[in-house]
Protein backbone atom coordinates (compact mmCIF):
# COMPACT_ATOMS: atom_id res chain seq x y z
CA UNK A 1 13.08 -4.49 -37.34
CA UNK A 2 15.17 -1.54 -36.12
CA UNK A 3 14.81 1.35 -33.71
CA UNK A 4 14.62 4.98 -34.90
CA UNK A 5 18.42 5.16 -34.62
CA UNK A 6 18.81 2.21 -36.99
CA UNK A 7 20.04 -0.28 -34.40
CA UNK A 8 18.32 -3.59 -33.69
CA UNK A 9 16.00 -3.52 -30.65
CA UNK A 10 17.39 -4.84 -27.39
CA UNK A 11 15.85 -8.06 -26.14
CA UNK A 12 17.39 -7.85 -22.68
CA UNK A 13 14.87 -7.19 -19.92
CA UNK A 14 16.83 -5.10 -17.42
CA UNK A 15 13.99 -5.34 -14.90
CA UNK A 16 13.89 -9.13 -14.77
CA UNK A 17 16.69 -9.59 -12.23
CA UNK A 18 15.44 -6.99 -9.71
CA UNK A 19 11.91 -8.40 -9.94
CA UNK A 20 13.20 -11.93 -9.35
CA UNK A 21 15.24 -10.79 -6.34
CA UNK A 22 12.25 -8.96 -4.89
CA UNK A 23 9.93 -11.92 -5.44
CA UNK A 24 12.31 -14.34 -3.75
CA UNK A 25 12.93 -11.89 -0.88
CA UNK A 26 9.21 -11.65 -0.20
CA UNK A 27 8.87 -15.44 -0.31
CA UNK A 28 11.72 -15.78 2.17
CA UNK A 29 10.20 -13.19 4.52
CA UNK A 30 6.84 -14.96 4.46
CA UNK A 31 8.56 -18.28 5.15
CA UNK A 32 10.60 -16.89 8.07
CA UNK A 33 8.09 -14.50 9.64
CA UNK A 34 4.83 -16.07 8.57
CA UNK A 35 1.74 -14.44 7.15
CA UNK A 36 0.50 -13.24 10.55
CA UNK A 37 3.52 -11.00 11.03
CA UNK A 38 3.86 -9.99 7.37
CA UNK A 39 0.18 -9.43 6.71
CA UNK A 40 -1.55 -9.70 3.39
CA UNK A 41 -3.60 -7.50 1.09
CA UNK A 42 -6.92 -8.39 2.76
CA UNK A 43 -5.59 -7.60 6.24
CA UNK A 44 -4.06 -4.34 5.02
CA UNK A 45 -7.32 -3.32 3.38
CA UNK A 46 -9.30 -4.10 6.54
CA UNK A 47 -6.83 -2.11 8.65
CA UNK A 48 -7.25 0.85 6.29
CA UNK A 49 -11.05 0.60 6.52
CA UNK A 50 -10.90 0.54 10.32
CA UNK A 51 -8.55 3.53 10.36
CA UNK A 52 -10.86 5.47 8.03
CA UNK A 53 -13.84 4.69 10.27
CA UNK A 54 -11.94 5.86 13.33
CA UNK A 55 -10.96 9.12 11.62
CA UNK A 56 -14.58 9.66 10.59
CA UNK A 57 -15.78 9.07 14.17
CA UNK A 58 -13.22 11.50 15.61
CA UNK A 59 -14.14 14.09 12.98
CA UNK A 60 -17.86 13.70 13.74
CA UNK A 61 -17.22 14.06 17.47
CA UNK A 62 -15.15 17.18 16.88
CA UNK A 63 -17.92 18.71 14.76
CA UNK A 64 -20.51 17.91 17.44
CA UNK A 65 -18.33 19.56 20.09
CA UNK A 66 -17.77 22.64 17.93
CA UNK A 67 -21.50 23.00 17.26
CA UNK A 68 -22.29 22.60 20.94
CA UNK A 69 -19.70 25.23 21.83
CA UNK A 70 -21.19 27.69 19.31
CA UNK A 71 -24.69 27.26 20.77
CA UNK A 72 -23.43 27.96 24.31
CA UNK A 73 -22.27 31.46 23.41
């Protein structure tokens, strides 16, 4: 099997080393800091849901205030 240029395909995965370093770095951070300080996907998702709810509440309050101000004119 050859590439379009006629050379054999490369079997070296140039992304393997950076991925391994990243994986081990994350493991080390979890070990040192713990999951409470690092968080996890579930905690991040819940924080995003809470933030979205807060934004929706603020937006609803702003709309109520704007409508009330229009009716006072």
